[in-house]
Amino acid sequence: MKHGKRYTEAAKTVDRTTLYDPETAVAAVKKLAVAKFDETIEVHIRTGCDGRHADQQIRGAVVLPHGTGKTVRVLVFAKGAKADEAAAAGADFVGADELVPRIQNEGWLDFDVVVATPDMMGIVGRLGRILGPKGLMPNPKAGTVTMDVTKAVNDIKAGKIEYRLDKSNIVHVPIGKASFTEEQLADNFHTLMSAINKARPSTLKGQYLRSVTLAPTMGPGVKLNPVNLA
């Protein structure tokens, strides 16, 4: 893969053989974000888990203290009083059965997170083939299947993010924008890593964190020492 001049020049400022501590890595990754837009800073965590085994799956959610810098659009499946609660909490879209054909037939996906009350999961389940592959399916572990829709919406708007293993046993999570201060990014990073460490499967033998990399949307990554993060 051929990289542009900006990427190549930025990459020269990072020693690829060095494993950095979090604060140094955050400072370095901010300098690597040289695109003309406010790049997202992401963490990529390669684990020693085998996601093919149910007892080694990692999935959960955590509220980042400084948010992600992104405006998140929330869709809530609820009826009656719970629908009113969701709307009052600031949900962008609230509905029930009538949303199914809109998503199924019209391809409407103008939302980033889906929340549902437990009684609505029969309806939401019909959208599994569409929402599932996009990572939008509500899940109790992530706190998106709940009767407390007010808390769910508030948390998401405040900067709650989901983390989960992909097929390569890697977790990819945004922790903010390049415009954030180093302190804000470091706070978010440490909050995320605390949650990831707590999510370590009890059945896992051997090293849990194989590699941890910070990277901006368009730039090269900075590797951290995973031993110091466990």
Protein backbone atom coordinates (compact mmCIF):
# COMPACT_ATOMS: atom_id res chain seq x y z
CA MET A 1 0.00 0.00 0.00
CA LYS A 2 1.46 3.34 -1.09
CA HIS A 3 1.20 6.22 1.37
CA GLY A 4 1.11 9.94 0.63
CA LYS A 5 3.88 12.44 1.35
CA ARG A 6 2.27 13.67 4.59
CA TYR A 7 1.96 10.14 5.97
CA THR A 8 5.55 9.31 5.01
CA GLU A 9 6.93 12.47 6.61
CA ALA A 10 4.86 11.92 9.78
CA ALA A 11 5.99 8.29 10.01
CA LYS A 12 9.64 9.42 10.17
CA THR A 13 8.96 11.06 13.55
CA VAL A 14 8.06 7.72 15.18
CA ASP A 15 10.54 5.02 16.11
CA ARG A 16 8.73 1.84 15.05
CA THR A 17 10.98 -0.31 17.25
CA THR A 18 10.15 1.57 20.46
CA LEU A 19 7.30 0.67 22.81
CA TYR A 20 6.07 3.95 24.29
CA ASP A 21 4.40 4.76 27.60
CA PRO A 22 0.82 6.15 27.29
CA GLU A 23 1.64 9.84 27.84
CA THR A 24 4.52 9.83 25.32
CA ALA A 25 2.40 7.89 22.83
CA VAL A 26 -0.47 10.39 23.13
CA ALA A 27 1.89 13.32 22.53
CA ALA A 28 3.38 11.55 19.51
CA VAL A 29 0.06 10.54 17.96
CA LYS A 30 -1.26 14.12 18.16
CA LYS A 31 1.71 15.24 16.03
CA LEU A 32 0.97 12.48 13.52
CA ALA A 33 -2.55 13.81 12.88
CA VAL A 34 -1.67 16.13 9.99
CA ALA A 35 -4.81 15.79 7.85
CA LYS A 36 -6.93 18.86 7.04
CA PHE A 37 -9.76 17.62 9.24
CA ASP A 38 -9.97 16.82 12.96
CA GLU A 39 -8.80 13.22 12.91
CA THR A 40 -10.14 10.58 15.28
CA ILE A 41 -7.57 8.98 17.58
CA GLU A 42 -8.13 5.24 17.83
CA VAL A 43 -6.74 2.45 20.00
CA HIS A 44 -6.14 -0.96 18.44
CA ILE A 45 -5.71 -3.76 20.99
CA ARG A 46 -4.56 -7.18 19.79
CA THR A 47 -5.53 -9.76 22.41
CA GLY A 48 -4.55 -13.33 23.17
CA CYS A 49 -8.21 -14.33 23.14
CA ASP A 50 -9.77 -16.76 20.71
CA GLY A 51 -13.13 -15.21 19.84
CA ARG A 52 -14.34 -18.48 18.33
CA HIS A 53 -14.90 -19.64 21.92
CA ALA A 54 -17.90 -18.04 23.63
CA ASP A 55 -16.05 -17.88 26.96
CA GLN A 56 -13.27 -15.81 25.41
CA GLN A 57 -15.44 -13.15 23.82
CA ILE A 58 -14.88 -9.58 24.97
CA ARG A 59 -17.77 -7.17 24.76
CA GLY A 60 -18.85 -4.25 26.85
CA ALA A 61 -19.13 -0.49 27.09
CA VAL A 62 -17.47 2.33 28.98
CA VAL A 63 -18.17 6.05 29.37
CA LEU A 64 -15.08 8.04 28.37
CA PRO A 65 -14.65 11.03 30.74
CA HIS A 66 -14.14 13.49 27.88
CA GLY A 67 -16.39 11.83 25.28
CA THR A 68 -15.28 10.98 21.75
CA GLY A 69 -15.67 14.40 20.16
CA LYS A 70 -18.33 12.96 17.88
CA THR A 71 -22.02 13.83 17.90
CA VAL A 72 -23.78 10.50 18.33
CA ARG A 73 -27.26 9.93 16.89
CA VAL A 74 -29.32 7.61 19.08
CA LEU A 75 -32.34 5.56 17.95
CA VAL A 76 -34.53 4.10 20.71
CA PHE A 77 -37.09 1.34 20.18
CA ALA A 78 -39.71 1.88 22.88
CA LYS A 79 -43.44 2.40 23.41
CA GLY A 80 -45.63 4.46 25.70
CA ALA A 81 -44.02 6.02 28.76
CA LYS A 82 -40.60 4.62 27.84
CA ALA A 83 -40.80 6.29 24.43
CA ASP A 84 -41.61 9.60 26.16
CA GLU A 85 -38.64 9.07 28.51
CA ALA A 86 -36.29 8.44 25.61
CA ALA A 87 -37.43 11.56 23.80
CA ALA A 88 -37.08 13.65 26.97
CA ALA A 89 -33.54 12.29 27.47
CA GLY A 90 -32.52 13.57 24.05
CA ALA A 91 -32.83 10.52 21.79
CA ASP A 92 -32.66 11.59 18.14
CA PHE A 93 -35.23 9.04 16.97
CA VAL A 94 -37.85 7.09 18.94
CA GLY A 95 -40.29 4.55 17.56
CA ALA A 96 -41.48 0.96 17.37
CA ASP A 97 -42.95 -1.29 14.64
CA GLU A 98 -43.22 1.58 12.15
CA LEU A 99 -39.42 1.88 11.99
CA VAL A 100 -38.93 -1.70 10.73
CA PRO A 101 -40.02 -1.15 7.08
CA ARG A 102 -38.17 2.16 7.01
CA ILE A 103 -34.91 0.37 7.88
CA GLN A 104 -35.65 -2.84 5.93
CA ASN A 105 -37.11 -1.40 2.74
CA GLU A 106 -35.79 2.15 2.54
CA GLY A 107 -32.30 1.46 3.85
CA TRP A 108 -32.62 4.15 6.52
CA LEU A 109 -29.56 4.04 8.79
CA ASP A 110 -29.10 7.65 9.91
CA PHE A 111 -28.16 6.67 13.47
CA ASP A 112 -25.02 5.55 15.29
CA VAL A 113 -26.38 3.61 18.30
CA VAL A 114 -29.59 1.64 18.82
CA VAL A 115 -31.20 1.25 22.26
CA ALA A 116 -34.23 -0.94 22.95
CA THR A 117 -36.40 -1.84 25.90
CA PRO A 118 -36.47 -5.66 26.46
CA ASP A 119 -40.08 -5.94 25.29
CA MET A 120 -39.10 -4.48 21.90
CA MET A 121 -36.38 -7.03 21.11
CA GLY A 122 -38.85 -9.25 19.24
CA ILE A 123 -39.34 -6.40 16.78
CA VAL A 124 -35.67 -5.39 16.69
CA GLY A 125 -34.70 -9.04 16.10
CA ARG A 126 -36.35 -8.82 12.67
CA LEU A 127 -33.65 -6.30 11.77
CA GLY A 128 -30.77 -8.53 12.85
CA ARG A 129 -29.48 -9.14 9.33
CA ILE A 130 -29.18 -5.41 8.75
CA LEU A 131 -28.13 -4.10 12.18
CA GLY A 132 -25.92 -7.06 13.17
CA PRO A 133 -23.17 -6.73 10.52
CA LYS A 134 -22.99 -2.98 11.18
CA GLY A 135 -22.50 -3.48 14.92
CA LEU A 136 -25.80 -1.71 15.65
CA MET A 137 -27.74 -4.53 17.27
CA PRO A 138 -28.74 -3.67 20.89
CA ASN A 139 -27.05 -5.89 23.47
CA PRO A 140 -27.56 -6.22 27.24
CA LYS A 141 -23.76 -6.41 27.85
CA ALA A 142 -23.36 -3.01 26.21
CA GLY A 143 -26.26 -1.56 28.20
CA THR A 144 -28.32 -0.95 25.07
CA VAL A 145 -31.11 -3.39 25.99
CA THR A 146 -32.55 -1.79 29.11
CA MET A 147 -35.65 -0.39 30.76
CA ASP A 148 -33.62 2.61 31.94
CA VAL A 149 -33.66 4.39 28.58
CA THR A 150 -32.92 7.75 30.22
CA LYS A 151 -29.59 6.52 31.59
CA ALA A 152 -28.76 4.71 28.33
CA VAL A 153 -29.31 7.82 26.21
CA ASN A 154 -27.52 10.10 28.68
CA ASP A 155 -24.49 7.80 28.86
CA ILE A 156 -24.23 7.49 25.09
CA LYS A 157 -24.51 11.24 24.58
CA ALA A 158 -21.88 11.78 27.30
CA GLY A 159 -19.33 9.63 25.48
CA LYS A 160 -20.16 5.98 26.07
CA ILE A 161 -18.44 3.69 23.58
CA GLU A 162 -18.74 -0.03 22.93
CA TYR A 163 -15.80 -2.36 22.60
CA ARG A 164 -15.79 -5.88 21.18
CA LEU A 165 -13.45 -8.38 19.58
CA ASP A 166 -13.40 -8.47 15.80
CA LYS A 167 -12.71 -11.66 13.80
CA SER A 168 -8.95 -11.10 14.18
CA ASN A 169 -9.30 -10.90 18.00
CA ILE A 170 -8.56 -7.18 17.91
CA VAL A 171 -10.52 -4.42 19.67
CA HIS A 172 -10.76 -1.11 17.77
CA VAL A 173 -12.00 1.87 19.81
CA PRO A 174 -12.02 5.67 19.29
CA ILE A 175 -10.80 7.66 22.31
CA GLY A 176 -11.21 11.22 21.02
CA LYS A 177 -10.12 13.71 18.41
CA ALA A 178 -6.71 15.13 17.51
CA SER A 179 -7.97 18.50 18.80
CA PHE A 180 -8.31 17.07 22.33
CA THR A 181 -5.59 17.99 24.83
CA GLU A 182 -2.99 15.37 25.71
CA GLU A 183 -4.54 15.14 29.19
CA GLN A 184 -8.03 14.46 27.77
CA LEU A 185 -6.76 11.73 25.44
CA ALA A 186 -4.68 10.17 28.23
CA ASP A 187 -7.69 10.19 30.61
CA ASN A 188 -9.88 8.52 27.99
CA PHE A 189 -7.15 5.98 27.18
CA HIS A 190 -6.64 4.95 30.81
CA THR A 191 -10.41 4.68 31.36
CA LEU A 192 -10.72 2.40 28.33
CA MET A 193 -7.76 0.21 29.31
CA SER A 194 -9.16 -0.20 32.83
CA ALA A 195 -12.42 -1.51 31.34
CA ILE A 196 -10.58 -3.79 28.88
CA ASN A 197 -8.48 -5.29 31.68
CA LYS A 198 -11.57 -5.93 33.79
CA ALA A 199 -13.13 -7.72 30.80
CA ARG A 200 -10.30 -10.28 30.61
CA PRO A 201 -11.91 -13.72 30.24
CA SER A 202 -11.22 -15.94 33.27
CA THR A 203 -10.59 -18.92 30.96
CA LEU A 204 -7.77 -17.19 29.06
CA LYS A 205 -4.32 -18.71 29.53
CA GLY A 206 -1.19 -16.75 28.64
CA GLN A 207 -0.76 -13.13 27.61
CA TYR A 208 -3.97 -11.08 27.39
CA LEU A 209 -2.71 -7.88 25.74
CA ARG A 210 -0.47 -8.84 22.79
CA SER A 211 -0.08 -5.34 21.35
CA VAL A 212 -1.61 -1.89 21.89
CA THR A 213 -1.35 0.80 19.20
CA LEU A 214 -2.57 4.42 19.09
CA ALA A 215 -3.21 5.89 15.66
CA PRO A 216 -4.93 8.88 14.01
CA THR A 217 -7.42 8.27 11.18
CA MET A 218 -4.95 9.04 8.38
CA GLY A 219 -1.59 8.56 10.08
CA PRO A 220 0.79 5.82 11.21
CA GLY A 221 0.45 4.10 14.56
CA VAL A 222 2.44 4.43 17.78
CA LYS A 223 3.03 1.20 19.69
CA LEU A 224 2.74 1.05 23.47
CA ASN A 225 4.25 -1.44 25.87
CA PRO A 226 1.38 -3.87 26.60
CA VAL A 227 3.14 -5.31 29.66
CA ASN A 228 2.79 -1.98 31.49
CA LEU A 229 -0.93 -1.73 30.63
CA ALA A 230 -2.13 -5.07 32.00
